[in-house]
C-alpha atoms as a PDB file:
ATOM      1  CA  UNK A   1       1.595 -16.137  -5.346  1.00  0.00           C
ATOM      2  CA  UNK A   2       1.653 -18.614  -2.402  1.00  0.00           C
ATOM      3  CA  UNK A   3       3.813 -17.667   0.464  1.00  0.00           C
ATOM      4  CA  UNK A   4       4.923 -20.393   3.050  1.00  0.00           C
ATOM      5  CA  UNK A   5       4.312 -19.589   6.759  1.00  0.00           C
ATOM      6  CA  UNK A   6       7.897 -19.382   7.442  1.00  0.00           C
ATOM      7  CA  UNK A   7       8.408 -16.915   4.784  1.00  0.00           C
ATOM      8  CA  UNK A   8       5.474 -14.767   5.919  1.00  0.00           C
ATOM      9  CA  UNK A   9       6.796 -14.828   9.456  1.00  0.00           C
ATOM     10  CA  UNK A  10      10.216 -13.552   8.206  1.00  0.00           C
ATOM     11  CA  UNK A  11       8.616 -10.593   6.575  1.00  0.00           C
ATOM     12  CA  UNK A  12       6.679  -9.668   9.546  1.00  0.00           C
ATOM     13  CA  UNK A  13       9.958 -10.151  11.521  1.00  0.00           C
ATOM     14  CA  UNK A  14      11.661  -7.725   9.110  1.00  0.00           C
ATOM     15  CA  UNK A  15       8.906  -5.298   9.668  1.00  0.00           C
ATOM     16  CA  UNK A  16       9.151  -5.403  13.496  1.00  0.00           C
ATOM     17  CA  UNK A  17      12.889  -5.115  13.480  1.00  0.00           C
ATOM     18  CA  UNK A  18      12.999  -2.214  10.859  1.00  0.00           C
ATOM     19  CA  UNK A  19      10.987  -0.054  13.246  1.00  0.00           C
ATOM     20  CA  UNK A  20      14.181   0.322  15.282  1.00  0.00           C
ATOM     21  CA  UNK A  21      16.795   0.436  12.571  1.00  0.00           C
ATOM     22  CA  UNK A  22      18.764   3.486  11.629  1.00  0.00           C
ATOM     23  CA  UNK A  23      19.240   3.163   8.013  1.00  0.00           C
ATOM     24  CA  UNK A  24      22.177   5.635   7.934  1.00  0.00           C
ATOM     25  CA  UNK A  25      24.415   3.139   9.887  1.00  0.00           C
ATOM     26  CA  UNK A  26      22.732  -0.168  10.392  1.00  0.00           C
ATOM     27  CA  UNK A  27      22.421  -3.310   8.306  1.00  0.00           C
ATOM     28  CA  UNK A  28      19.987  -6.283   8.472  1.00  0.00           C
ATOM     29  CA  UNK A  29      21.186  -9.927   7.989  1.00  0.00           C
ATOM     30  CA  UNK A  30      18.924 -12.718   7.208  1.00  0.00           C
ATOM     31  CA  UNK A  31      20.147 -15.961   8.817  1.00  0.00           C
ATOM     32  CA  UNK A  32      19.792 -19.568   7.466  1.00  0.00           C
ATOM     33  CA  UNK A  33      17.106 -20.230  10.014  1.00  0.00           C
ATOM     34  CA  UNK A  34      14.980 -17.211   8.776  1.00  0.00           C
ATOM     35  CA  UNK A  35      15.947 -14.885  11.625  1.00  0.00           C
ATOM     36  CA  UNK A  36      16.651 -11.092  11.344  1.00  0.00           C
ATOM     37  CA  UNK A  37      19.745  -9.693  12.905  1.00  0.00           C
ATOM     38  CA  UNK A  38      20.971  -6.050  12.960  1.00  0.00           C
ATOM     39  CA  UNK A  39      24.787  -5.222  12.526  1.00  0.00           C
ATOM     40  CA  UNK A  40      26.124  -8.839  12.746  1.00  0.00           C
ATOM     41  CA  UNK A  41      29.912  -9.354  12.475  1.00  0.00           C
ATOM     42  CA  UNK A  42      29.853 -12.192   9.995  1.00  0.00           C
ATOM     43  CA  UNK A  43      30.518 -12.688   6.343  1.00  0.00           C
ATOM     44  CA  UNK A  44      27.720 -13.187   3.745  1.00  0.00           C
ATOM     45  CA  UNK A  45      28.831 -16.741   3.421  1.00  0.00           C
ATOM     46  CA  UNK A  46      27.295 -17.349   6.918  1.00  0.00           C
ATOM     47  CA  UNK A  47      24.043 -15.798   5.994  1.00  0.00           C
ATOM     48  CA  UNK A  48      21.259 -16.075   3.365  1.00  0.00           C
ATOM     49  CA  UNK A  49      21.086 -12.387   2.548  1.00  0.00           C
ATOM     50  CA  UNK A  50      22.164  -8.881   3.694  1.00  0.00           C
ATOM     51  CA  UNK A  51      20.116  -5.760   3.337  1.00  0.00           C
ATOM     52  CA  UNK A  52      22.072  -2.515   2.899  1.00  0.00           C
ATOM     53  CA  UNK A  53      20.434   0.952   2.981  1.00  0.00           C
ATOM     54  CA  UNK A  54      21.304   4.192   1.048  1.00  0.00           C
ATOM     55  CA  UNK A  55      19.350   6.884   2.684  1.00  0.00           C
ATOM     56  CA  UNK A  56      21.605   9.729   1.549  1.00  0.00           C
ATOM     57  CA  UNK A  57      22.232   8.744  -1.985  1.00  0.00           C
ATOM     58  CA  UNK A  58      19.442   9.756  -4.424  1.00  0.00           C
ATOM     59  CA  UNK A  59      20.938   7.924  -7.435  1.00  0.00           C
ATOM     60  CA  UNK A  60      20.508   4.570  -5.688  1.00  0.00           C
ATOM     61  CA  UNK A  61      17.555   2.737  -4.488  1.00  0.00           C
ATOM     62  CA  UNK A  62      16.836   3.130  -0.749  1.00  0.00           C
ATOM     63  CA  UNK A  63      17.883  -0.371  -0.052  1.00  0.00           C
ATOM     64  CA  UNK A  64      19.603  -3.276  -1.757  1.00  0.00           C
ATOM     65  CA  UNK A  65      19.507  -7.024  -1.000  1.00  0.00           C
ATOM     66  CA  UNK A  66      22.647  -9.077  -1.509  1.00  0.00           C
ATOM     67  CA  UNK A  67      21.747 -12.802  -1.611  1.00  0.00           C
ATOM     68  CA  UNK A  68      23.895 -15.725  -0.703  1.00  0.00           C
ATOM     69  CA  UNK A  69      24.141 -18.773  -2.855  1.00  0.00           C
ATOM     70  CA  UNK A  70      21.784 -20.805  -0.603  1.00  0.00           C
ATOM     71  CA  UNK A  71      18.892 -18.316  -0.597  1.00  0.00           C
ATOM     72  CA  UNK A  72      15.696 -19.877  -1.898  1.00  0.00           C
ATOM     73  CA  UNK A  73      14.635 -18.622  -5.362  1.00  0.00           C
ATOM     74  CA  UNK A  74      10.945 -18.413  -4.278  1.00  0.00           C
ATOM     75  CA  UNK A  75      11.704 -16.328  -1.317  1.00  0.00           C
ATOM     76  CA  UNK A  76      13.701 -14.012  -3.684  1.00  0.00           C
ATOM     77  CA  UNK A  77      10.487 -13.320  -5.586  1.00  0.00           C
ATOM     78  CA  UNK A  78       8.589 -12.751  -2.431  1.00  0.00           C
ATOM     79  CA  UNK A  79      11.176 -10.249  -1.275  1.00  0.00           C
ATOM     80  CA  UNK A  80      11.041  -8.632  -4.549  1.00  0.00           C
ATOM     81  CA  UNK A  81       7.374  -8.141  -4.288  1.00  0.00           C
ATOM     82  CA  UNK A  82       6.755  -7.342  -0.713  1.00  0.00           C
ATOM     83  CA  UNK A  83      10.004  -5.846   0.838  1.00  0.00           C
ATOM     84  CA  UNK A  84       9.232  -2.398  -0.598  1.00  0.00           C
ATOM     85  CA  UNK A  85       6.215  -1.997   1.576  1.00  0.00           C
ATOM     86  CA  UNK A  86       8.268  -2.475   4.620  1.00  0.00           C
ATOM     87  CA  UNK A  87      11.708  -0.960   3.860  1.00  0.00           C
ATOM     88  CA  UNK A  88      10.413   2.676   3.349  1.00  0.00           C
ATOM     89  CA  UNK A  89      12.422   5.728   3.895  1.00  0.00           C
ATOM     90  CA  UNK A  90      11.321   6.992   7.217  1.00  0.00           C
ATOM     91  CA  UNK A  91      13.168  10.239   6.724  1.00  0.00           C
ATOM     92  CA  UNK A  92      11.384  11.047   3.299  1.00  0.00           C
ATOM     93  CA  UNK A  93       9.133  14.008   2.890  1.00  0.00           C
ATOM     94  CA  UNK A  94       6.126  11.993   2.341  1.00  0.00           C
ATOM     95  CA  UNK A  95       4.980   8.426   3.180  1.00  0.00           C
ATOM     96  CA  UNK A  96       5.266   5.668   0.664  1.00  0.00           C
ATOM     97  CA  UNK A  97       1.931   5.368  -1.137  1.00  0.00           C
ATOM     98  CA  UNK A  98       0.503   2.408  -3.099  1.00  0.00           C
ATOM     99  CA  UNK A  99      -2.622   1.861  -5.004  1.00  0.00           C
ATOM    100  CA  UNK A 100      -3.873  -1.742  -5.656  1.00  0.00           C
ATOM    101  CA  UNK A 101      -6.710  -2.010  -8.207  1.00  0.00           C
ATOM    102  CA  UNK A 102      -8.448  -5.196  -9.304  1.00  0.00           C
ATOM    103  CA  UNK A 103      -9.955  -4.676 -12.605  1.00  0.00           C
ATOM    104  CA  UNK A 104     -11.222  -6.508 -15.815  1.00  0.00           C
ATOM    105  CA  UNK A 105      -9.090  -6.587 -19.000  1.00  0.00           C
ATOM    106  CA  UNK A 106     -11.046  -3.635 -20.300  1.00  0.00           C
ATOM    107  CA  UNK A 107     -10.265  -1.499 -17.118  1.00  0.00           C
ATOM    108  CA  UNK A 108     -13.603  -1.835 -15.279  1.00  0.00           C
ATOM    109  CA  UNK A 109     -13.746  -2.399 -11.398  1.00  0.00           C
ATOM    110  CA  UNK A 110     -17.603  -2.621 -11.176  1.00  0.00           C
ATOM    111  CA  UNK A 111     -20.604  -3.127 -13.493  1.00  0.00           C
ATOM    112  CA  UNK A 112     -22.928  -0.145 -14.180  1.00  0.00           C
ATOM    113  CA  UNK A 113     -25.087  -1.131 -11.210  1.00  0.00           C
ATOM    114  CA  UNK A 114     -21.937  -1.192  -9.017  1.00  0.00           C
ATOM    115  CA  UNK A 115     -21.412  -4.984  -8.635  1.00  0.00           C
ATOM    116  CA  UNK A 116     -17.738  -5.716  -7.979  1.00  0.00           C
ATOM    117  CA  UNK A 117     -17.609  -8.975  -5.963  1.00  0.00           C
ATOM    118  CA  UNK A 118     -15.350 -10.698  -6.931  1.00  0.00           C
ATOM    119  CA  UNK A 119     -13.416  -9.278  -9.835  1.00  0.00           C
ATOM    120  CA  UNK A 120     -10.136 -10.131  -8.076  1.00  0.00           C
ATOM    121  CA  UNK A 121      -9.532 -13.847  -7.466  1.00  0.00           C
ATOM    122  CA  UNK A 122      -8.904 -15.378  -3.988  1.00  0.00           C
ATOM    123  CA  UNK A 123      -5.093 -15.161  -4.465  1.00  0.00           C
ATOM    124  CA  UNK A 124      -5.498 -11.348  -5.129  1.00  0.00           C
ATOM    125  CA  UNK A 125      -7.607 -11.054  -2.054  1.00  0.00           C
ATOM    126  CA  UNK A 126      -4.965 -12.610   0.176  1.00  0.00           C
ATOM    127  CA  UNK A 127      -2.223 -10.548  -1.432  1.00  0.00           C
ATOM    128  CA  UNK A 128      -4.189  -7.397  -0.650  1.00  0.00           C
ATOM    129  CA  UNK A 129      -4.413  -8.507   2.921  1.00  0.00           C
ATOM    130  CA  UNK A 130      -0.773  -9.047   3.019  1.00  0.00           C
ATOM    131  CA  UNK A 131      -0.111  -5.440   1.847  1.00  0.00           C
ATOM    132  CA  UNK A 132      -2.440  -4.303   4.557  1.00  0.00           C
ATOM    133  CA  UNK A 133      -0.492  -6.230   7.166  1.00  0.00           C
ATOM    134  CA  UNK A 134       2.827  -4.678   6.078  1.00  0.00           C
ATOM    135  CA  UNK A 135       1.848  -1.036   5.638  1.00  0.00           C
ATOM    136  CA  UNK A 136       1.136   1.563   8.420  1.00  0.00           C
ATOM    137  CA  UNK A 137      -2.267   2.823   7.067  1.00  0.00           C
ATOM    138  CA  UNK A 138      -5.103   2.000   4.734  1.00  0.00           C
ATOM    139  CA  UNK A 139      -6.917   4.878   3.176  1.00  0.00           C
ATOM    140  CA  UNK A 140     -10.392   5.160   1.292  1.00  0.00           C
ATOM    141  CA  UNK A 141     -12.597   7.992   0.282  1.00  0.00           C
ATOM    142  CA  UNK A 142     -15.889   8.750   1.930  1.00  0.00           C
ATOM    143  CA  UNK A 143     -18.053   7.462  -1.017  1.00  0.00           C
ATOM    144  CA  UNK A 144     -16.123   4.099  -0.980  1.00  0.00           C
ATOM    145  CA  UNK A 145     -16.601   3.835   2.694  1.00  0.00           C
ATOM    146  CA  UNK A 146     -20.376   4.623   2.430  1.00  0.00           C
ATOM    147  CA  UNK A 147     -20.969   2.193  -0.474  1.00  0.00           C
ATOM    148  CA  UNK A 148     -18.592  -0.693   0.220  1.00  0.00           C
ATOM    149  CA  UNK A 149     -18.549  -0.499   4.109  1.00  0.00           C
ATOM    150  CA  UNK A 150     -14.963  -2.100   4.031  1.00  0.00           C
ATOM    151  CA  UNK A 151     -13.600  -3.521   7.254  1.00  0.00           C
ATOM    152  CA  UNK A 152     -10.139  -2.225   6.226  1.00  0.00           C
ATOM    153  CA  UNK A 153      -8.389  -4.797   8.602  1.00  0.00           C
ATOM    154  CA  UNK A 154      -6.221  -7.827   8.150  1.00  0.00           C
ATOM    155  CA  UNK A 155      -8.295 -11.011   8.265  1.00  0.00           C
ATOM    156  CA  UNK A 156      -6.731 -13.512   5.708  1.00  0.00           C
ATOM    157  CA  UNK A 157      -3.198 -13.479   6.860  1.00  0.00           C
ATOM    158  CA  UNK A 158      -1.163 -13.176  10.056  1.00  0.00           C
ATOM    159  CA  UNK A 159      -0.297  -9.627  10.977  1.00  0.00           C
ATOM    160  CA  UNK A 160      -1.552  -6.497  12.771  1.00  0.00           C
ATOM    161  CA  UNK A 161      -4.256  -4.236  11.529  1.00  0.00           C
ATOM    162  CA  UNK A 162      -3.049  -0.823   9.915  1.00  0.00           C
ATOM    163  CA  UNK A 163      -4.360   2.632  10.876  1.00  0.00           C
ATOM    164  CA  UNK A 164      -7.526   3.443   9.008  1.00  0.00           C
ATOM    165  CA  UNK A 165      -7.646   6.750   7.155  1.00  0.00           C
ATOM    166  CA  UNK A 166     -10.845   8.123   5.824  1.00  0.00           C
ATOM    167  CA  UNK A 167     -11.413  11.199   3.685  1.00  0.00           C
ATOM    168  CA  UNK A 168     -14.930  12.737   3.942  1.00  0.00           C
ATOM    169  CA  UNK A 169     -16.456  16.189   3.619  1.00  0.00           C
ATOM    170  CA  UNK A 170     -19.688  15.040   4.836  1.00  0.00           C
ATOM    171  CA  UNK A 171     -20.593  12.865   7.913  1.00  0.00           C
ATOM    172  CA  UNK A 172     -20.125   9.233   7.815  1.00  0.00           C
ATOM    173  CA  UNK A 173     -21.888   6.418   9.724  1.00  0.00           C
ATOM    174  CA  UNK A 174     -19.039   5.478  12.182  1.00  0.00           C
ATOM    175  CA  UNK A 175     -21.163   3.163  14.378  1.00  0.00           C
ATOM    176  CA  UNK A 176     -20.315   0.080  12.178  1.00  0.00           C
ATOM    177  CA  UNK A 177     -16.558   1.106  11.965  1.00  0.00           C
ATOM    178  CA  UNK A 178     -14.492  -1.766  12.873  1.00  0.00           C
ATOM    179  CA  UNK A 179     -12.443  -1.082  16.082  1.00  0.00           C
ATOM    180  CA  UNK A 180      -9.015   0.365  15.788  1.00  0.00           C
ATOM    181  CA  UNK A 181      -7.113   3.698  15.442  1.00  0.00           C
ATOM    182  CA  UNK A 182      -8.925   5.744  12.696  1.00  0.00           C
ATOM    183  CA  UNK A 183      -8.013   9.070  11.188  1.00  0.00           C
ATOM    184  CA  UNK A 184     -10.920  10.992   9.647  1.00  0.00           C
ATOM    185  CA  UNK A 185      -9.603  13.960   7.472  1.00  0.00           C
ATOM    186  CA  UNK A 186     -12.172  16.600   6.354  1.00  0.00           C
ATOM    187  CA  UNK A 187     -11.718  20.204   5.149  1.00  0.00           C
ATOM    188  CA  UNK A 188     -15.062  20.950   6.856  1.00  0.00           C
ATOM    189  CA  UNK A 189     -16.333  21.025  10.513  1.00  0.00           C
ATOM    190  CA  UNK A 190     -18.236  17.908  10.601  1.00  0.00           C
ATOM    191  CA  UNK A 191     -20.862  17.458  13.409  1.00  0.00           C
ATOM    192  CA  UNK A 192     -21.333  13.925  15.041  1.00  0.00           C
ATOM    193  CA  UNK A 193     -23.474  13.128  17.911  1.00  0.00           C
ATOM    194  CA  UNK A 194     -21.085  10.309  18.874  1.00  0.00           C
ATOM    195  CA  UNK A 195     -17.555   9.678  17.885  1.00  0.00           C
ATOM    196  CA  UNK A 196     -15.813   6.244  18.841  1.00  0.00           C
ATOM    197  CA  UNK A 197     -12.963   6.825  21.210  1.00  0.00           C
ATOM    198  CA  UNK A 198     -10.418   5.532  18.707  1.00  0.00           C
ATOM    199  CA  UNK A 199     -11.435   7.927  15.912  1.00  0.00           C
ATOM    200  CA  UNK A 200      -9.539  11.224  15.491  1.00  0.00           C
ATOM    201  CA  UNK A 201     -10.934  13.886  13.189  1.00  0.00           C
ATOM    202  CA  UNK A 202      -8.350  15.980  11.447  1.00  0.00           C
ATOM    203  CA  UNK A 203      -9.316  19.191   9.745  1.00  0.00           C
ATOM    204  CA  UNK A 204      -7.252  20.381   6.908  1.00  0.00           C
ATOM    205  CA  UNK A 205      -8.465  23.658   5.308  1.00  0.00           C
ATOM    206  CA  UNK A 206      -6.527  24.773   2.319  1.00  0.00           C
ATOM    207  CA  UNK A 207      -9.436  26.947   1.119  1.00  0.00           C
ATOM    208  CA  UNK A 208     -10.277  24.201  -1.689  1.00  0.00           C
ATOM    209  CA  UNK A 209     -13.382  22.115  -2.374  1.00  0.00           C
ATOM    210  CA  UNK A 210     -11.309  19.036  -1.612  1.00  0.00           C
ATOM    211  CA  UNK A 211      -8.542  17.950   0.810  1.00  0.00           C
ATOM    212  CA  UNK A 212      -5.071  18.843  -0.280  1.00  0.00           C
ATOM    213  CA  UNK A 213      -3.475  15.309  -0.592  1.00  0.00           C
ATOM    214  CA  UNK A 214       0.015  16.678   0.079  1.00  0.00           C
ATOM    215  CA  UNK A 215      -1.037  18.373   3.182  1.00  0.00           C
ATOM    216  CA  UNK A 216      -2.827  15.088   4.454  1.00  0.00           C
ATOM    217  CA  UNK A 217       0.358  13.062   3.759  1.00  0.00           C
ATOM    218  CA  UNK A 218       2.445  15.601   5.764  1.00  0.00           C
ATOM    219  CA  UNK A 219       0.020  15.137   8.673  1.00  0.00           C
ATOM    220  CA  UNK A 220       0.274  11.275   8.479  1.00  0.00           C
ATOM    221  CA  UNK A 221       4.067  11.444   8.333  1.00  0.00           C
ATOM    222  CA  UNK A 222       3.887  13.685  11.515  1.00  0.00           C
ATOM    223  CA  UNK A 223       1.843  11.028  13.169  1.00  0.00           C
ATOM    224  CA  UNK A 224       4.494   8.261  12.403  1.00  0.00           C
ATOM    225  CA  UNK A 225       2.869   6.818   9.421  1.00  0.00           C
ATOM    226  CA  UNK A 226       5.561   6.050   6.696  1.00  0.00           C
ATOM    227  CA  UNK A 227       3.502   3.775   4.319  1.00  0.00           C
ATOM    228  CA  UNK A 228      -0.124   4.021   3.085  1.00  0.00           C
ATOM    229  CA  UNK A 229      -2.160   1.628   0.995  1.00  0.00           C
ATOM    230  CA  UNK A 230      -4.885   3.495  -0.949  1.00  0.00           C
ATOM    231  CA  UNK A 231      -7.973   1.369  -1.844  1.00  0.00           C
ATOM    232  CA  UNK A 232     -10.150   3.777  -3.520  1.00  0.00           C
ATOM    233  CA  UNK A 233     -12.364   5.072  -5.004  1.00  0.00           C
ATOM    234  CA  UNK A 234     -11.526   6.451  -8.453  1.00  0.00           C
ATOM    235  CA  UNK A 235     -11.646  10.134  -7.441  1.00  0.00           C
ATOM    236  CA  UNK A 236      -9.338   9.493  -4.566  1.00  0.00           C
ATOM    237  CA  UNK A 237      -6.862   7.557  -6.656  1.00  0.00           C
ATOM    238  CA  UNK A 238      -7.094  10.440  -9.258  1.00  0.00           C
ATOM    239  CA  UNK A 239      -6.170  13.014  -6.856  1.00  0.00           C
ATOM    240  CA  UNK A 240      -2.904  11.080  -5.830  1.00  0.00           C
ATOM    241  CA  UNK A 241      -1.978  10.520  -9.455  1.00  0.00           C
ATOM    242  CA  UNK A 242      -2.573  14.076 -10.547  1.00  0.00           C
ATOM    243  CA  UNK A 243      -0.555  15.603  -7.594  1.00  0.00           C
ATOM    244  CA  UNK A 244       2.149  13.004  -8.259  1.00  0.00           C
ATOM    245  CA  UNK A 245       1.727  11.783  -4.703  1.00  0.00           C
ATOM    246  CA  UNK A 246       1.704   8.004  -5.653  1.00  0.00           C
ATOM    247  CA  UNK A 247       4.812   5.946  -5.185  1.00  0.00           C
ATOM    248  CA  UNK A 248       3.633   2.519  -6.607  1.00  0.00           C
ATOM    249  CA  UNK A 249       0.620   1.246  -8.531  1.00  0.00           C
ATOM    250  CA  UNK A 250      -0.625  -2.368  -8.870  1.00  0.00           C
ATOM    251  CA  UNK A 251      -3.063  -3.680 -11.453  1.00  0.00           C
ATOM    252  CA  UNK A 252      -4.700  -7.069 -10.941  1.00  0.00           C
ATOM    253  CA  UNK A 253      -5.938  -7.933 -14.294  1.00  0.00           C
ATOM    254  CA  UNK A 254      -8.773 -10.417 -14.118  1.00  0.00           C
ATOM    255  CA  UNK A 255      -9.437 -12.595 -17.232  1.00  0.00           C
ATOM    256  CA  UNK A 256     -12.930 -11.193 -17.805  1.00  0.00           C
ATOM    257  CA  UNK A 257     -14.595  -8.457 -19.998  1.00  0.00           C
ATOM    258  CA  UNK A 258     -17.454  -6.148 -18.914  1.00  0.00           C
ATOM    259  CA  UNK A 259     -17.702  -3.954 -22.084  1.00  0.00           C
ATOM    260  CA  UNK A 260     -19.454  -1.254 -19.804  1.00  0.00           C
ATOM    261  CA  UNK A 261     -19.021  -0.268 -16.122  1.00  0.00           C
ATOM    262  CA  UNK A 262     -17.006   1.811 -13.787  1.00  0.00           C
ATOM    263  CA  UNK A 263     -13.462   2.738 -14.380  1.00  0.00           C
ATOM    264  CA  UNK A 264     -10.873   2.190 -11.556  1.00  0.00           C
ATOM    265  CA  UNK A 265      -8.994   5.261 -12.573  1.00  0.00           C
ATOM    266  CA  UNK A 266     -10.415   8.231 -14.206  1.00  0.00           C
ATOM    267  CA  UNK A 267      -8.214  10.952 -15.640  1.00  0.00           C
ATOM    268  CA  UNK A 268      -8.570  13.885 -17.871  1.00  0.00           C
ATOM    269  CA  UNK A 269      -8.765  13.049 -21.651  1.00  0.00           C
ATOM    270  CA  UNK A 270      -5.552  13.078 -23.655  1.00  0.00           C
ATOM    271  CA  UNK A 271      -4.980  13.900 -27.228  1.00  0.00           C
ATOM    272  CA  UNK A 272      -1.484  12.444 -27.919  1.00  0.00           C
ATOM    273  CA  UNK A 273       0.344   9.312 -26.754  1.00  0.00           C
ATOM    274  CA  UNK A 274       3.203  11.323 -25.044  1.00  0.00           C
ATOM    275  CA  UNK A 275       0.692  12.749 -22.620  1.00  0.00           C
ATOM    276  CA  UNK A 276       0.100   9.143 -21.209  1.00  0.00           C
ATOM    277  CA  UNK A 277       1.398   8.215 -17.843  1.00  0.00           C
ATOM    278  CA  UNK A 278       4.238   5.736 -18.156  1.00  0.00           C
ATOM    279  CA  UNK A 279       4.866   2.858 -15.737  1.00  0.00           C
ATOM    280  CA  UNK A 280       8.497   2.687 -14.689  1.00  0.00           C
ATOM    281  CA  UNK A 281      10.125  -0.685 -15.041  1.00  0.00           C
ATOM    282  CA  UNK A 282       6.899  -2.776 -14.656  1.00  0.00           C
ATOM    283  CA  UNK A 283       7.033  -6.259 -13.087  1.00  0.00           C
ATOM    284  CA  UNK A 284       4.602  -9.024 -13.711  1.00  0.00           C
ATOM    285  CA  UNK A 285       3.303 -11.671 -11.472  1.00  0.00           C
ATOM    286  CA  UNK A 286       0.833 -14.506 -11.893  1.00  0.00           C
ATOM    287  CA  UNK A 287      -1.942 -14.593  -9.303  1.00  0.00           C
ATOM    288  CA  UNK A 288      -3.928 -17.628  -9.878  1.00  0.00           C
ATOM    289  CA  UNK A 289      -5.674 -17.449 -13.126  1.00  0.00           C
ATOM    290  CA  UNK A 290      -4.889 -13.644 -13.379  1.00  0.00           C
ATOM    291  CA  UNK A 291      -1.888 -11.397 -13.895  1.00  0.00           C
ATOM    292  CA  UNK A 292      -0.652  -8.636 -11.709  1.00  0.00           C
ATOM    293  CA  UNK A 293       1.336  -5.567 -12.922  1.00  0.00           C
ATOM    294  CA  UNK A 294       3.408  -3.807 -10.306  1.00  0.00           C
ATOM    295  CA  UNK A 295       5.111  -0.482 -11.123  1.00  0.00           C
ATOM    296  CA  UNK A 296       6.684   2.595  -9.343  1.00  0.00           C
ATOM    297  CA  UNK A 297       5.661   5.942 -10.494  1.00  0.00           C
END
């Protein structure tokens, strides 16, 4: 999906304005020149769109956009896909969590030898960086960090880098870590000769072999992180799904078949169809020569 620079600047502006919005009594207005105003005393006819919030009504979505007749159709589709990363409920018990997986038609994210570049096409890569620019934090497990050495920053679009969140129960090589605030979660006392000044180690000990996802999200919430993009690996994603701590999932389906390789999501075996996890009201988007499925859980 292509996004005009004026539309992307509008999304970034909404993100910045929303930091100081009280959803219980404030409303956002989108002007005809793509500006964002809080609590304007004008009618909808004088604006392109109005964003209303419903923080105390569990039967409704957290927000609703009412569009004026002159609102661009293309921008409406962009809002539908990207606003959910920005307009999250800051008073919710846990942060908004999203997983984005680029996989083959037969569900593989890498070959048996671990090769994965590039399953997702260039449009998907740009989309992934847009999400990074809109969320508060990006999270990966220790094995993913060791193998892929991801930069976990925003490079392909305009925007600020999110906080990096790493999960590891053994030491990581932090010298090559891209500068920026980083939270390293572990349930063990890890020993480092040198820790970069912008890295904070957070120990969570719930007397388990792995970190309790719910406890970690609670800590992130306390640190002002209200939205998290989870980029892998398969074990980390599995934990979020099994503990029902995942808000949204995206599948970028590349038009290719491996026939073997590594699964992006690995869950326990099921016997009956009614044991399957159902995607709620999935939406479908074209991404270059591929398709993306987006659904809340």
